[in-house]
Amino acid sequence: TLFDLSSNTKIYATTFAMMHLVYKKQIDINLPIKYYIPEYTGCDNQFGCRDNRRVKDLLMHIAGYMPDPYFFNPQKNILYGNGLYSQNSTITRNIIITKLPFIQKDGGRPVYSDVDFMLLGILIENITGMPLNKYLEKNIYSPLGLTHTLFNPQQLNITSSQCAATELEGNTRNNTVSFPNIRHNTIRCEVHDENTYYSFNGVSGHAGLFSTLDDMRVMLQLLLNNGKYKNVILWDKQIEDLFSLPNRYDDTFALGFRRSGIHHYAHFGRYSSIDAIGHTGFTGTLTVVDRSKHLAFVLLTNKIHSKYVNGKFIGNNYTTGKYKQISENIYIITK
């Protein structure tokens, strides 16, 4: 079964691509974003200039963007300014590059933001000259022998029966949400994330990737092996160590990953190593890679394919929706 990985896309698509590009010396994460996207310029009177934002600021979620820009919803994105509504990929990219405002200065405490990885996806395309999905297929997934890790499965001869459904009534949250072109039917084999589906044609650096447990087993082993799998080398230990380094203000953030940290990132559980890395996904996915314990696991569920009551999906209350409990049980039984 293919599952919508949601924000685990940030690892298995964007961060994988970034580590590989660093390994191939095609990118320097210390350089300004503008070096790779020349149009990324201009200043915000309150929170600084795009010209000063660096690539690694995006990876660490310290570039200063809002968590969710709601490009697809004109009633919500108006909160950030005028002219930010888009359900067209080209227009969305232009908004991000030239006019999307910041909500804080760069370099401070991390604020988790999908925008950071939307922009990283655009940056990868600029560097490689290829669409993000095509670059990943050619340079990451095909060399690993992965055949079911992809974007837009419904466009690639994947039948709906091969995918886990993700929401009962489209993106309506039990008919409590409305915006132009909203889906009302059960979402299956289409990305659930609204920005990706409506505003990026299904392919973005922050969400949209689908995969199966068999394929993810390979990608987990790749992370445990510091970028190596069988005869394929996509990056090395030095690069994976670099991307695992903690943020100085919040050690649950690393470059492209969430990190366990001193107080243990809640979803990873109390028994994870301080330097364990991974991510969660809104649809019901979890990744934990604990290299010091030689342990990695992934949880694939569709917990939000459940009734939406009082502002919450009841699937969050199911045992499979409780990431911390599952993580801790795995650590206990693998001691």
C-alpha atoms as a PDB file:
ATOM      1  CA  THR A   1       0.000   0.000   0.000  1.00  0.00           C
ATOM      2  CA  LEU A   2       1.197   3.484  -0.872  1.00  0.00           C
ATOM      3  CA  PHE A   3       0.871   6.016   1.941  1.00  0.00           C
ATOM      4  CA  ASP A   4       0.862   9.792   1.677  1.00  0.00           C
ATOM      5  CA  LEU A   5       4.018  10.670   3.638  1.00  0.00           C
ATOM      6  CA  SER A   6       2.935  14.266   4.180  1.00  0.00           C
ATOM      7  CA  SER A   7       5.774  16.186   5.917  1.00  0.00           C
ATOM      8  CA  ASN A   8       8.033  13.141   5.869  1.00  0.00           C
ATOM      9  CA  THR A   9       8.498  14.359   2.286  1.00  0.00           C
ATOM     10  CA  LYS A  10      10.846  16.897   3.839  1.00  0.00           C
ATOM     11  CA  ILE A  11      13.241  14.045   4.657  1.00  0.00           C
ATOM     12  CA  TYR A  12      12.823  11.530   1.862  1.00  0.00           C
ATOM     13  CA  ALA A  13      12.637  14.054  -0.953  1.00  0.00           C
ATOM     14  CA  THR A  14      14.097  17.456  -0.122  1.00  0.00           C
ATOM     15  CA  THR A  15      16.687  16.628   2.539  1.00  0.00           C
ATOM     16  CA  PHE A  16      17.854  13.569   0.611  1.00  0.00           C
ATOM     17  CA  ALA A  17      18.300  15.745  -2.477  1.00  0.00           C
ATOM     18  CA  MET A  18      20.101  18.453  -0.500  1.00  0.00           C
ATOM     19  CA  MET A  19      22.545  16.006   1.121  1.00  0.00           C
ATOM     20  CA  HIS A  20      23.262  14.462  -2.273  1.00  0.00           C
ATOM     21  CA  LEU A  21      23.839  17.865  -3.876  1.00  0.00           C
ATOM     22  CA  VAL A  22      26.192  18.852  -1.047  1.00  0.00           C
ATOM     23  CA  TYR A  23      28.045  15.558  -1.523  1.00  0.00           C
ATOM     24  CA  LYS A  24      28.344  16.231  -5.259  1.00  0.00           C
ATOM     25  CA  LYS A  25      29.554  19.782  -4.456  1.00  0.00           C
ATOM     26  CA  GLN A  26      26.689  21.270  -6.437  1.00  0.00           C
ATOM     27  CA  ILE A  27      25.480  23.380  -3.529  1.00  0.00           C
ATOM     28  CA  ASP A  28      26.922  25.225  -0.540  1.00  0.00           C
ATOM     29  CA  ILE A  29      24.284  25.591   2.175  1.00  0.00           C
ATOM     30  CA  ASN A  30      26.160  28.562   3.672  1.00  0.00           C
ATOM     31  CA  LEU A  31      25.556  30.707   0.602  1.00  0.00           C
ATOM     32  CA  PRO A  32      22.596  33.086   0.264  1.00  0.00           C
ATOM     33  CA  ILE A  33      19.471  31.686  -1.375  1.00  0.00           C
ATOM     34  CA  LYS A  34      19.842  34.480  -3.916  1.00  0.00           C
ATOM     35  CA  TYR A  35      23.015  32.832  -5.232  1.00  0.00           C
ATOM     36  CA  TYR A  36      20.873  30.006  -6.590  1.00  0.00           C
ATOM     37  CA  ILE A  37      17.631  31.923  -7.170  1.00  0.00           C
ATOM     38  CA  PRO A  38      18.670  35.409  -8.423  1.00  0.00           C
ATOM     39  CA  GLU A  39      15.074  36.693  -8.332  1.00  0.00           C
ATOM     40  CA  TYR A  40      14.964  36.064  -4.573  1.00  0.00           C
ATOM     41  CA  THR A  41      15.555  39.659  -3.540  1.00  0.00           C
ATOM     42  CA  GLY A  42      13.861  42.595  -1.857  1.00  0.00           C
ATOM     43  CA  CYS A  43      13.311  43.715   1.709  1.00  0.00           C
ATOM     44  CA  ASP A  44      10.662  43.596   4.382  1.00  0.00           C
ATOM     45  CA  ASN A  45      10.717  46.839   6.390  1.00  0.00           C
ATOM     46  CA  GLN A  46      10.126  44.966   9.615  1.00  0.00           C
ATOM     47  CA  PHE A  47      11.958  41.654   9.300  1.00  0.00           C
ATOM     48  CA  GLY A  48      14.859  42.156   6.899  1.00  0.00           C
ATOM     49  CA  CYS A  49      15.811  41.251   3.341  1.00  0.00           C
ATOM     50  CA  ARG A  50      15.550  38.089   1.252  1.00  0.00           C
ATOM     51  CA  ASP A  51      19.058  38.778   0.001  1.00  0.00           C
ATOM     52  CA  ASN A  52      20.495  37.883   3.429  1.00  0.00           C
ATOM     53  CA  ARG A  53      18.671  34.577   3.919  1.00  0.00           C
ATOM     54  CA  ARG A  54      20.933  31.544   3.526  1.00  0.00           C
ATOM     55  CA  VAL A  55      20.130  28.055   2.252  1.00  0.00           C
ATOM     56  CA  LYS A  56      20.770  26.548   5.672  1.00  0.00           C
ATOM     57  CA  ASP A  57      18.272  28.975   7.215  1.00  0.00           C
ATOM     58  CA  LEU A  58      15.576  27.171   5.245  1.00  0.00           C
ATOM     59  CA  LEU A  59      16.810  23.736   6.308  1.00  0.00           C
ATOM     60  CA  MET A  60      16.844  24.811   9.965  1.00  0.00           C
ATOM     61  CA  HIS A  61      13.485  26.639   9.824  1.00  0.00           C
ATOM     62  CA  ILE A  62      15.060  29.949  10.830  1.00  0.00           C
ATOM     63  CA  ALA A  63      14.408  31.938   7.656  1.00  0.00           C
ATOM     64  CA  GLY A  64      11.495  33.728   9.318  1.00  0.00           C
ATOM     65  CA  TYR A  65       8.491  32.415   7.397  1.00  0.00           C
ATOM     66  CA  MET A  66       5.023  31.594   8.719  1.00  0.00           C
ATOM     67  CA  PRO A  67       4.151  27.927   9.402  1.00  0.00           C
ATOM     68  CA  ASP A  68       1.498  27.738   6.648  1.00  0.00           C
ATOM     69  CA  PRO A  69       0.869  30.421   3.990  1.00  0.00           C
ATOM     70  CA  TYR A  70      -2.521  28.963   2.917  1.00  0.00           C
ATOM     71  CA  PHE A  71      -1.912  29.931  -0.716  1.00  0.00           C
ATOM     72  CA  PHE A  72      -4.983  27.937  -1.742  1.00  0.00           C
ATOM     73  CA  ASN A  73      -7.398  29.757   0.575  1.00  0.00           C
ATOM     74  CA  PRO A  74      -8.061  33.474  -0.068  1.00  0.00           C
ATOM     75  CA  GLN A  75      -9.857  33.829   3.253  1.00  0.00           C
ATOM     76  CA  LYS A  76      -6.772  32.746   5.206  1.00  0.00           C
ATOM     77  CA  ASN A  77      -3.778  34.014   3.239  1.00  0.00           C
ATOM     78  CA  ILE A  78      -5.152  37.557   3.335  1.00  0.00           C
ATOM     79  CA  LEU A  79      -3.971  37.555   6.962  1.00  0.00           C
ATOM     80  CA  TYR A  80      -0.396  37.830   5.636  1.00  0.00           C
ATOM     81  CA  GLY A  81      -1.006  40.410   2.938  1.00  0.00           C
ATOM     82  CA  ASN A  82      -2.563  41.064  -0.455  1.00  0.00           C
ATOM     83  CA  GLY A  83      -1.890  39.119  -3.633  1.00  0.00           C
ATOM     84  CA  LEU A  84      -0.924  35.850  -1.949  1.00  0.00           C
ATOM     85  CA  TYR A  85      -3.761  33.665  -3.260  1.00  0.00           C
ATOM     86  CA  SER A  86      -2.745  31.084  -5.854  1.00  0.00           C
ATOM     87  CA  GLN A  87      -3.916  27.767  -7.168  1.00  0.00           C
ATOM     88  CA  ASN A  88      -1.360  27.834  -9.975  1.00  0.00           C
ATOM     89  CA  SER A  89       2.138  26.443  -9.517  1.00  0.00           C
ATOM     90  CA  THR A  90       3.913  29.138 -11.544  1.00  0.00           C
ATOM     91  CA  ILE A  91       2.144  31.943  -9.689  1.00  0.00           C
ATOM     92  CA  THR A  92       2.781  30.281  -6.319  1.00  0.00           C
ATOM     93  CA  ARG A  93       6.500  30.059  -6.987  1.00  0.00           C
ATOM     94  CA  ASN A  94       6.634  33.698  -8.008  1.00  0.00           C
ATOM     95  CA  ILE A  95       4.821  34.741  -4.819  1.00  0.00           C
ATOM     96  CA  ILE A  96       7.308  32.835  -2.650  1.00  0.00           C
ATOM     97  CA  ILE A  97      10.354  34.160  -4.474  1.00  0.00           C
ATOM     98  CA  THR A  98       9.343  37.815  -4.762  1.00  0.00           C
ATOM     99  CA  LYS A  99       6.663  38.872  -2.298  1.00  0.00           C
ATOM    100  CA  LEU A 100       5.806  36.450   0.528  1.00  0.00           C
ATOM    101  CA  PRO A 101       6.425  38.375   3.770  1.00  0.00           C
ATOM    102  CA  PHE A 102       8.339  37.180   6.818  1.00  0.00           C
ATOM    103  CA  ILE A 103       6.895  36.906  10.323  1.00  0.00           C
ATOM    104  CA  GLN A 104      10.230  37.266  12.135  1.00  0.00           C
ATOM    105  CA  LYS A 105      13.891  38.030  11.532  1.00  0.00           C
ATOM    106  CA  ASP A 106      16.171  35.276  10.303  1.00  0.00           C
ATOM    107  CA  GLY A 107      18.603  33.383  12.494  1.00  0.00           C
ATOM    108  CA  GLY A 108      16.536  33.262  15.687  1.00  0.00           C
ATOM    109  CA  ARG A 109      14.605  30.469  17.331  1.00  0.00           C
ATOM    110  CA  PRO A 110      13.219  28.005  14.768  1.00  0.00           C
ATOM    111  CA  VAL A 111       9.634  28.378  13.608  1.00  0.00           C
ATOM    112  CA  TYR A 112       8.545  25.250  11.753  1.00  0.00           C
ATOM    113  CA  SER A 113       7.439  26.361   8.298  1.00  0.00           C
ATOM    114  CA  ASP A 114       6.291  24.543   5.170  1.00  0.00           C
ATOM    115  CA  VAL A 115       7.426  27.577   3.172  1.00  0.00           C
ATOM    116  CA  ASP A 116      11.071  26.789   3.922  1.00  0.00           C
ATOM    117  CA  PHE A 117      10.808  23.468   2.111  1.00  0.00           C
ATOM    118  CA  MET A 118       8.638  24.801  -0.684  1.00  0.00           C
ATOM    119  CA  LEU A 119      11.498  27.209  -1.388  1.00  0.00           C
ATOM    120  CA  LEU A 120      14.109  24.473  -1.077  1.00  0.00           C
ATOM    121  CA  GLY A 121      12.217  22.467  -3.689  1.00  0.00           C
ATOM    122  CA  ILE A 122      12.337  25.453  -6.038  1.00  0.00           C
ATOM    123  CA  LEU A 123      16.035  25.899  -5.282  1.00  0.00           C
ATOM    124  CA  ILE A 124      16.775  22.248  -6.126  1.00  0.00           C
ATOM    125  CA  GLU A 125      15.011  22.677  -9.453  1.00  0.00           C
ATOM    126  CA  ASN A 126      17.040  25.810 -10.230  1.00  0.00           C
ATOM    127  CA  ILE A 127      20.330  24.073  -9.445  1.00  0.00           C
ATOM    128  CA  THR A 128      19.602  20.850 -11.325  1.00  0.00           C
ATOM    129  CA  GLY A 129      17.519  22.211 -14.185  1.00  0.00           C
ATOM    130  CA  MET A 130      15.001  19.437 -13.564  1.00  0.00           C
ATOM    131  CA  PRO A 131      11.552  19.219 -11.940  1.00  0.00           C
ATOM    132  CA  LEU A 132      11.940  18.072  -8.332  1.00  0.00           C
ATOM    133  CA  ASN A 133      10.158  14.759  -8.866  1.00  0.00           C
ATOM    134  CA  LYS A 134      12.205  13.945 -11.973  1.00  0.00           C
ATOM    135  CA  TYR A 135      15.486  14.798 -10.264  1.00  0.00           C
ATOM    136  CA  LEU A 136      14.646  12.554  -7.312  1.00  0.00           C
ATOM    137  CA  GLU A 137      13.548   9.680  -9.510  1.00  0.00           C
ATOM    138  CA  LYS A 138      16.741   9.777 -11.580  1.00  0.00           C
ATOM    139  CA  ASN A 139      19.311  10.501  -8.869  1.00  0.00           C
ATOM    140  CA  ILE A 140      17.886   9.039  -5.642  1.00  0.00           C
ATOM    141  CA  TYR A 141      15.050   6.561  -6.058  1.00  0.00           C
ATOM    142  CA  SER A 142      16.049   4.698  -9.239  1.00  0.00           C
ATOM    143  CA  PRO A 143      19.645   4.062  -8.086  1.00  0.00           C
ATOM    144  CA  LEU A 144      18.195   2.581  -4.882  1.00  0.00           C
ATOM    145  CA  GLY A 145      15.829   0.351  -6.868  1.00  0.00           C
ATOM    146  CA  LEU A 146      12.722   2.063  -5.496  1.00  0.00           C
ATOM    147  CA  THR A 147       9.654   1.725  -7.708  1.00  0.00           C
ATOM    148  CA  HIS A 148       6.872   2.948  -5.419  1.00  0.00           C
ATOM    149  CA  THR A 149       8.314   6.192  -4.050  1.00  0.00           C
ATOM    150  CA  LEU A 150       6.807   8.973  -6.105  1.00  0.00           C
ATOM    151  CA  PHE A 151       4.648  12.085  -6.412  1.00  0.00           C
ATOM    152  CA  ASN A 152       1.198  12.164  -8.028  1.00  0.00           C
ATOM    153  CA  PRO A 153       0.545   8.405  -8.047  1.00  0.00           C
ATOM    154  CA  GLN A 154      -2.852   8.886  -9.691  1.00  0.00           C
ATOM    155  CA  GLN A 155      -1.010  10.204 -12.765  1.00  0.00           C
ATOM    156  CA  LEU A 156       1.384   7.236 -12.895  1.00  0.00           C
ATOM    157  CA  ASN A 157      -0.936   4.279 -13.427  1.00  0.00           C
ATOM    158  CA  ILE A 158      -1.274   3.589  -9.710  1.00  0.00           C
ATOM    159  CA  THR A 159      -4.842   2.462  -9.017  1.00  0.00           C
ATOM    160  CA  SER A 160      -6.799   3.876  -6.090  1.00  0.00           C
ATOM    161  CA  SER A 161      -6.905   0.440  -4.454  1.00  0.00           C
ATOM    162  CA  GLN A 162      -3.109   0.618  -4.055  1.00  0.00           C
ATOM    163  CA  CYS A 163      -3.250   3.757  -1.869  1.00  0.00           C
ATOM    164  CA  ALA A 164      -4.392   4.391   1.683  1.00  0.00           C
ATOM    165  CA  ALA A 165      -7.176   6.993   1.760  1.00  0.00           C
ATOM    166  CA  THR A 166      -6.479  10.161   3.742  1.00  0.00           C
ATOM    167  CA  GLU A 167      -9.686  12.088   4.390  1.00  0.00           C
ATOM    168  CA  LEU A 168     -13.328  11.064   4.264  1.00  0.00           C
ATOM    169  CA  GLU A 169     -14.816  14.224   2.787  1.00  0.00           C
ATOM    170  CA  GLY A 170     -12.066  15.801   0.740  1.00  0.00           C
ATOM    171  CA  ASN A 171     -10.381  18.726   2.451  1.00  0.00           C
ATOM    172  CA  THR A 172     -13.634  19.913   4.038  1.00  0.00           C
ATOM    173  CA  ARG A 173     -13.001  18.710   7.622  1.00  0.00           C
ATOM    174  CA  ASN A 174     -16.537  17.373   7.854  1.00  0.00           C
ATOM    175  CA  ASN A 175     -17.833  20.329   5.829  1.00  0.00           C
ATOM    176  CA  THR A 176     -16.446  22.914   8.245  1.00  0.00           C
ATOM    177  CA  VAL A 177     -13.951  24.321   5.722  1.00  0.00           C
ATOM    178  CA  SER A 178     -14.583  25.869   2.312  1.00  0.00           C
ATOM    179  CA  PHE A 179     -12.417  27.476  -0.355  1.00  0.00           C
ATOM    180  CA  PRO A 180     -12.375  27.558  -4.190  1.00  0.00           C
ATOM    181  CA  ASN A 181     -12.170  24.137  -5.905  1.00  0.00           C
ATOM    182  CA  ILE A 182     -12.165  22.235  -2.615  1.00  0.00           C
ATOM    183  CA  ARG A 183     -12.409  18.447  -2.900  1.00  0.00           C
ATOM    184  CA  HIS A 184     -15.468  16.810  -1.331  1.00  0.00           C
ATOM    185  CA  ASN A 185     -14.906  13.142  -2.171  1.00  0.00           C
ATOM    186  CA  THR A 186     -12.626  10.781  -0.256  1.00  0.00           C
ATOM    187  CA  ILE A 187      -8.996  11.621  -1.007  1.00  0.00           C
ATOM    188  CA  ARG A 188      -7.073   8.618  -2.275  1.00  0.00           C
ATOM    189  CA  CYS A 189      -3.939   8.470  -4.452  1.00  0.00           C
ATOM    190  CA  GLU A 190      -3.890  12.275  -4.444  1.00  0.00           C
ATOM    191  CA  VAL A 191      -1.780  14.296  -2.046  1.00  0.00           C
ATOM    192  CA  HIS A 192      -3.807  15.428   0.943  1.00  0.00           C
ATOM    193  CA  ASP A 193      -1.815  18.596   1.681  1.00  0.00           C
ATOM    194  CA  GLU A 194      -3.759  21.538   0.317  1.00  0.00           C
ATOM    195  CA  ASN A 195      -0.817  23.739  -0.673  1.00  0.00           C
ATOM    196  CA  THR A 196       0.787  20.881  -2.582  1.00  0.00           C
ATOM    197  CA  TYR A 197      -2.384  19.761  -4.338  1.00  0.00           C
ATOM    198  CA  TYR A 198      -3.965  23.094  -5.218  1.00  0.00           C
ATOM    199  CA  SER A 199      -0.962  25.407  -5.450  1.00  0.00           C
ATOM    200  CA  PHE A 200       1.917  23.168  -6.638  1.00  0.00           C
ATOM    201  CA  ASN A 201       0.256  20.613  -8.947  1.00  0.00           C
ATOM    202  CA  GLY A 202       1.061  17.812  -6.515  1.00  0.00           C
ATOM    203  CA  VAL A 203       4.850  18.260  -6.338  1.00  0.00           C
ATOM    204  CA  SER A 204       6.512  20.310  -3.602  1.00  0.00           C
ATOM    205  CA  GLY A 205       9.493  20.128  -1.302  1.00  0.00           C
ATOM    206  CA  HIS A 206       7.364  20.093   1.848  1.00  0.00           C
ATOM    207  CA  ALA A 207       4.723  17.431   1.069  1.00  0.00           C
ATOM    208  CA  GLY A 208       3.397  15.215  -1.704  1.00  0.00           C
ATOM    209  CA  LEU A 209       5.622  12.126  -1.668  1.00  0.00           C
ATOM    210  CA  PHE A 210       4.046   8.673  -1.474  1.00  0.00           C
ATOM    211  CA  SER A 211       5.842   5.455  -0.607  1.00  0.00           C
ATOM    212  CA  THR A 212       5.442   1.877   0.615  1.00  0.00           C
ATOM    213  CA  LEU A 213       6.919   0.126   3.618  1.00  0.00           C
ATOM    214  CA  ASP A 214       9.251  -1.930   1.403  1.00  0.00           C
ATOM    215  CA  ASP A 215      10.713   1.165  -0.234  1.00  0.00           C
ATOM    216  CA  MET A 216      11.014   2.984   3.077  1.00  0.00           C
ATOM    217  CA  ARG A 217      12.951   0.093   4.573  1.00  0.00           C
ATOM    218  CA  VAL A 218      15.643   0.820   1.976  1.00  0.00           C
ATOM    219  CA  MET A 219      15.657   4.555   2.745  1.00  0.00           C
ATOM    220  CA  LEU A 220      15.905   3.886   6.483  1.00  0.00           C
ATOM    221  CA  GLN A 221      18.902   1.623   5.879  1.00  0.00           C
ATOM    222  CA  LEU A 222      20.433   4.349   3.731  1.00  0.00           C
ATOM    223  CA  LEU A 223      20.250   6.722   6.709  1.00  0.00           C
ATOM    224  CA  LEU A 224      21.671   4.116   9.114  1.00  0.00           C
ATOM    225  CA  ASN A 225      24.521   3.533   6.653  1.00  0.00           C
ATOM    226  CA  ASN A 226      25.365   7.264   6.345  1.00  0.00           C
ATOM    227  CA  GLY A 227      24.261   7.551   2.732  1.00  0.00           C
ATOM    228  CA  LYS A 228      25.279   4.120   1.461  1.00  0.00           C
ATOM    229  CA  TYR A 229      23.081   1.237   0.324  1.00  0.00           C
ATOM    230  CA  LYS A 230      24.645  -1.799  -1.335  1.00  0.00           C
ATOM    231  CA  ASN A 231      26.828  -0.306  -4.089  1.00  0.00           C
ATOM    232  CA  VAL A 232      25.094   3.077  -4.121  1.00  0.00           C
ATOM    233  CA  ILE A 233      26.662   6.072  -2.365  1.00  0.00           C
ATOM    234  CA  LEU A 234      24.475   9.196  -2.196  1.00  0.00           C
ATOM    235  CA  TRP A 235      26.315  11.048   0.593  1.00  0.00           C
ATOM    236  CA  ASP A 236      28.799  10.271   3.374  1.00  0.00           C
ATOM    237  CA  LYS A 237      28.954  10.272   7.174  1.00  0.00           C
ATOM    238  CA  GLN A 238      30.410  13.775   7.341  1.00  0.00           C
ATOM    239  CA  ILE A 239      27.387  15.170   5.503  1.00  0.00           C
ATOM    240  CA  GLU A 240      24.840  13.204   7.505  1.00  0.00           C
ATOM    241  CA  ASP A 241      26.548  14.342  10.723  1.00  0.00           C
ATOM    242  CA  LEU A 242      26.383  17.940   9.494  1.00  0.00           C
ATOM    243  CA  PHE A 243      22.675  17.706   8.732  1.00  0.00           C
ATOM    244  CA  SER A 244      22.050  16.155  12.173  1.00  0.00           C
ATOM    245  CA  LEU A 245      23.632  19.014  14.151  1.00  0.00           C
ATOM    246  CA  PRO A 246      21.235  20.765  16.576  1.00  0.00           C
ATOM    247  CA  ASN A 247      19.990  24.311  16.438  1.00  0.00           C
ATOM    248  CA  ARG A 248      21.580  26.382  19.212  1.00  0.00           C
ATOM    249  CA  TYR A 249      18.230  27.665  20.503  1.00  0.00           C
ATOM    250  CA  ASP A 250      16.164  24.499  20.104  1.00  0.00           C
ATOM    251  CA  ASP A 251      18.004  21.203  19.782  1.00  0.00           C
ATOM    252  CA  THR A 252      14.926  19.398  18.452  1.00  0.00           C
ATOM    253  CA  PHE A 253      15.680  21.046  15.084  1.00  0.00           C
ATOM    254  CA  ALA A 254      18.462  19.985  12.732  1.00  0.00           C
ATOM    255  CA  LEU A 255      19.136  20.655   9.049  1.00  0.00           C
ATOM    256  CA  GLY A 256      16.155  19.061   7.314  1.00  0.00           C
ATOM    257  CA  PHE A 257      15.301  16.805  10.250  1.00  0.00           C
ATOM    258  CA  ARG A 258      13.580  16.998  13.598  1.00  0.00           C
ATOM    259  CA  ARG A 259      15.897  15.813  16.353  1.00  0.00           C
ATOM    260  CA  SER A 260      15.357  14.149  19.721  1.00  0.00           C
ATOM    261  CA  GLY A 261      17.447  16.601  21.729  1.00  0.00           C
ATOM    262  CA  ILE A 262      18.154  16.780  25.447  1.00  0.00           C
ATOM    263  CA  HIS A 263      14.491  16.775  26.443  1.00  0.00           C
ATOM    264  CA  HIS A 264      13.488  14.242  23.757  1.00  0.00           C
ATOM    265  CA  TYR A 265      11.224  15.447  20.961  1.00  0.00           C
ATOM    266  CA  ALA A 266       7.856  14.200  22.168  1.00  0.00           C
ATOM    267  CA  HIS A 267       6.995  11.985  19.186  1.00  0.00           C
ATOM    268  CA  PHE A 268      10.315  10.101  19.405  1.00  0.00           C
ATOM    269  CA  GLY A 269       9.693   8.979  23.002  1.00  0.00           C
ATOM    270  CA  ARG A 270      11.762   9.067  26.174  1.00  0.00           C
ATOM    271  CA  TYR A 271      14.197   6.330  25.159  1.00  0.00           C
ATOM    272  CA  SER A 272      15.522   7.835  21.935  1.00  0.00           C
ATOM    273  CA  SER A 273      19.130   8.947  21.820  1.00  0.00           C
ATOM    274  CA  ILE A 274      19.731  12.688  22.040  1.00  0.00           C
ATOM    275  CA  ASP A 275      20.955  12.718  18.439  1.00  0.00           C
ATOM    276  CA  ALA A 276      18.137  10.607  16.949  1.00  0.00           C
ATOM    277  CA  ILE A 277      16.668  12.249  13.849  1.00  0.00           C
ATOM    278  CA  GLY A 278      13.403  11.896  11.978  1.00  0.00           C
ATOM    279  CA  HIS A 279      10.104  13.587  11.253  1.00  0.00           C
ATOM    280  CA  THR A 280       6.335  13.321  11.518  1.00  0.00           C
ATOM    281  CA  GLY A 281       3.603  13.695   8.918  1.00  0.00           C
ATOM    282  CA  PHE A 282       0.096  15.126   9.299  1.00  0.00           C
ATOM    283  CA  THR A 283      -1.556  12.188   7.549  1.00  0.00           C
ATOM    284  CA  GLY A 284      -0.243   9.750  10.163  1.00  0.00           C
ATOM    285  CA  THR A 285       3.413   9.008   9.458  1.00  0.00           C
ATOM    286  CA  LEU A 286       6.489   8.919  11.679  1.00  0.00           C
ATOM    287  CA  THR A 287      10.192   8.341  11.051  1.00  0.00           C
ATOM    288  CA  VAL A 288      12.841   7.782  13.730  1.00  0.00           C
ATOM    289  CA  VAL A 289      16.474   7.082  12.841  1.00  0.00           C
ATOM    290  CA  ASP A 290      18.692   6.433  15.847  1.00  0.00           C
ATOM    291  CA  ARG A 291      22.147   5.789  14.425  1.00  0.00           C
ATOM    292  CA  SER A 292      23.854   5.427  17.815  1.00  0.00           C
ATOM    293  CA  LYS A 293      21.483   2.562  18.663  1.00  0.00           C
ATOM    294  CA  HIS A 294      21.546   1.124  15.125  1.00  0.00           C
ATOM    295  CA  LEU A 295      17.782   1.418  15.076  1.00  0.00           C
ATOM    296  CA  ALA A 296      15.400   2.956  12.581  1.00  0.00           C
ATOM    297  CA  PHE A 297      11.656   2.619  12.172  1.00  0.00           C
ATOM    298  CA  VAL A 298       8.791   4.137  10.265  1.00  0.00           C
ATOM    299  CA  LEU A 299       5.095   4.206  11.081  1.00  0.00           C
ATOM    300  CA  LEU A 300       2.717   4.492   8.139  1.00  0.00           C
ATOM    301  CA  THR A 301      -0.919   5.146   8.965  1.00  0.00           C
ATOM    302  CA  ASN A 302      -3.815   7.138   7.562  1.00  0.00           C
ATOM    303  CA  LYS A 303      -5.083   8.263  10.962  1.00  0.00           C
ATOM    304  CA  ILE A 304      -6.852  11.347   9.605  1.00  0.00           C
ATOM    305  CA  HIS A 305      -9.081   9.123   7.466  1.00  0.00           C
ATOM    306  CA  SER A 306     -11.502   9.297  10.364  1.00  0.00           C
ATOM    307  CA  LYS A 307     -14.378  11.430  11.564  1.00  0.00           C
ATOM    308  CA  TYR A 308     -13.625  15.083  12.248  1.00  0.00           C
ATOM    309  CA  VAL A 309     -15.277  16.133  15.493  1.00  0.00           C
ATOM    310  CA  ASN A 310     -14.870  19.355  17.488  1.00  0.00           C
ATOM    311  CA  GLY A 311     -11.928  20.496  15.420  1.00  0.00           C
ATOM    312  CA  LYS A 312      -9.986  17.212  15.552  1.00  0.00           C
ATOM    313  CA  PHE A 313      -9.697  13.938  13.674  1.00  0.00           C
ATOM    314  CA  ILE A 314     -10.687  11.168  16.070  1.00  0.00           C
ATOM    315  CA  GLY A 315      -7.929   9.032  14.512  1.00  0.00           C
ATOM    316  CA  ASN A 316      -5.457  11.060  16.564  1.00  0.00           C
ATOM    317  CA  ASN A 317      -6.839   9.248  19.613  1.00  0.00           C
ATOM    318  CA  TYR A 318      -6.299   5.774  18.170  1.00  0.00           C
ATOM    319  CA  THR A 319      -3.294   3.820  19.424  1.00  0.00           C
ATOM    320  CA  THR A 320      -1.690   4.146  15.990  1.00  0.00           C
ATOM    321  CA  GLY A 321      -2.038   7.910  16.258  1.00  0.00           C
ATOM    322  CA  LYS A 322       0.001   8.098  19.450  1.00  0.00           C
ATOM    323  CA  TYR A 323       3.529   8.332  18.121  1.00  0.00           C
ATOM    324  CA  LYS A 324       5.225   8.656  21.507  1.00  0.00           C
ATOM    325  CA  GLN A 325       3.664   5.460  22.843  1.00  0.00           C
ATOM    326  CA  ILE A 326       4.578   3.477  19.742  1.00  0.00           C
ATOM    327  CA  SER A 327       8.140   4.826  19.702  1.00  0.00           C
ATOM    328  CA  GLU A 328       8.715   3.948  23.336  1.00  0.00           C
ATOM    329  CA  ASN A 329       7.328   0.437  22.877  1.00  0.00           C
ATOM    330  CA  ILE A 330       9.696  -0.133  19.945  1.00  0.00           C
ATOM    331  CA  TYR A 331      12.667   0.993  22.005  1.00  0.00           C
ATOM    332  CA  ILE A 332      11.609  -1.310  24.854  1.00  0.00           C
ATOM    333  CA  ILE A 333      11.187  -4.442  22.734  1.00  0.00           C
ATOM    334  CA  THR A 334      14.442  -3.879  20.808  1.00  0.00           C
ATOM    335  CA  LYS A 335      16.684  -3.456  23.838  1.00  0.00           C
END
